[in-house]
Protein backbone atom coordinates (compact mmCIF):
# COMPACT_ATOMS: atom_id res chain seq x y z
CA UNK A 1 0.00 0.00 0.00
CA UNK A 2 2.87 2.37 0.79
CA UNK A 3 4.15 1.83 -2.73
CA UNK A 4 1.01 3.36 -4.22
CA UNK A 5 1.12 6.36 -1.91
CA UNK A 6 4.58 7.34 -3.19
CA UNK A 7 3.56 6.93 -6.83
CA UNK A 8 0.41 8.99 -6.28
CA UNK A 9 2.55 11.65 -4.60
CA UNK A 10 4.98 11.65 -7.52
CA UNK A 11 2.15 11.93 -10.05
CA UNK A 12 0.50 14.70 -8.05
CA UNK A 13 3.74 16.68 -7.83
CA UNK A 14 4.40 16.27 -11.56
CA UNK A 15 0.86 17.35 -12.40
CA UNK A 16 1.14 20.39 -10.12
CA UNK A 17 4.45 21.44 -11.70
CA UNK A 18 3.05 20.93 -15.22
CA UNK A 19 -0.02 23.05 -14.53
CA UNK A 20 2.11 25.76 -12.90
CA UNK A 21 4.46 25.94 -15.89
CA UNK A 22 1.52 26.01 -18.33
CA UNK A 23 -0.18 28.86 -16.44
CA UNK A 24 3.12 30.76 -16.39
CA UNK A 25 3.55 30.25 -20.15
CA UNK A 26 0.06 31.56 -20.88
CA UNK A 27 0.54 34.60 -18.64
CA UNK A 28 3.99 35.32 -20.11
CA UNK A 29 2.58 35.27 -23.65
CA UNK A 30 4.47 32.21 -24.85
CA UNK A 31 1.52 31.20 -27.07
CA UNK A 32 0.50 34.68 -28.22
CA UNK A 33 2.07 34.74 -31.70
CA UNK A 34 1.11 31.44 -33.30
CA UNK A 35 1.29 32.81 -36.84
CA UNK A 36 4.98 33.70 -36.47
CA UNK A 37 5.78 30.44 -34.68
CA UNK A 38 4.29 28.45 -37.54
CA UNK A 39 6.96 29.68 -39.99
CA UNK A 40 10.04 29.74 -37.75
CA UNK A 41 11.39 26.34 -38.91
CA UNK A 42 11.17 27.48 -42.53
CA UNK A 43 13.18 30.67 -42.09
CA UNK A 44 16.76 30.69 -43.33
CA UNK A 45 18.53 32.61 -40.60
CA UNK A 46 22.02 32.34 -39.30
CA UNK A 47 22.49 32.51 -35.57
CA UNK A 48 24.41 35.39 -34.10
CA UNK A 49 27.65 34.59 -32.33
CA UNK A 50 27.17 34.31 -28.59
CA UNK A 51 28.35 37.29 -26.61
CA UNK A 52 31.18 36.90 -24.16
CA UNK A 53 30.11 36.80 -20.54
CA UNK A 54 32.17 38.21 -17.69
CA UNK A 55 32.23 34.90 -15.84
CA UNK A 56 31.67 32.07 -18.33
CA UNK A 57 32.31 29.41 -15.68
CA UNK A 58 29.46 30.72 -13.53
CA UNK A 59 26.14 28.96 -13.86
CA UNK A 60 22.88 30.84 -14.09
CA UNK A 61 19.97 30.61 -11.66
CA UNK A 62 17.99 28.58 -14.20
CA UNK A 63 20.69 25.91 -14.34
CA UNK A 64 20.68 25.60 -10.56
CA UNK A 65 16.87 25.36 -10.55
CA UNK A 66 16.96 22.60 -13.17
CA UNK A 67 19.58 20.72 -11.18
CA UNK A 68 17.43 20.91 -8.05
CA UNK A 69 14.37 19.66 -9.93
CA UNK A 70 16.38 16.80 -11.44
CA UNK A 71 17.81 15.77 -8.07
CA UNK A 72 14.38 15.90 -6.41
CA UNK A 73 12.90 13.80 -9.21
CA UNK A 74 15.66 11.22 -8.97
CA UNK A 75 15.35 11.09 -5.19
CA UNK A 76 11.60 10.53 -5.37
CA UNK A 77 12.02 7.72 -7.88
CA UNK A 78 14.79 6.18 -5.77
CA UNK A 79 12.61 6.38 -2.65
CA UNK A 80 9.77 4.71 -4.50
CA UNK A 81 12.04 1.87 -5.60
CA UNK A 82 13.44 1.46 -2.08
CA UNK A 83 9.93 1.22 -0.66
CA UNK A 84 8.95 -1.22 -3.39
CA UNK A 85 11.81 -3.60 -2.60
CA UNK A 86 11.28 -3.16 1.11
CA UNK A 87 7.59 -4.08 0.85
CA UNK A 88 8.38 -7.28 -1.09
CA UNK A 89 10.78 -8.46 1.63
CA UNK A 90 8.41 -7.79 4.53
């Protein structure tokens, strides 16, 4: 039974994060210009050279946030597997 509780918690957390990101994207206008987005893959543009940063070895806040999310996801999956194997022994 404990096994299902962890999976339901994982699914609930993933659903909550997905809904939060979707609401943010709508409020930030990520879907506002669908006509332009339709033709972006067909445009023949060259990318500008990246600008030099003062501290190229420094990671941005977004990278740290993604690392935290990845670690939390891996920990929750690991905890679920530990509880699964523990419940089969007992």
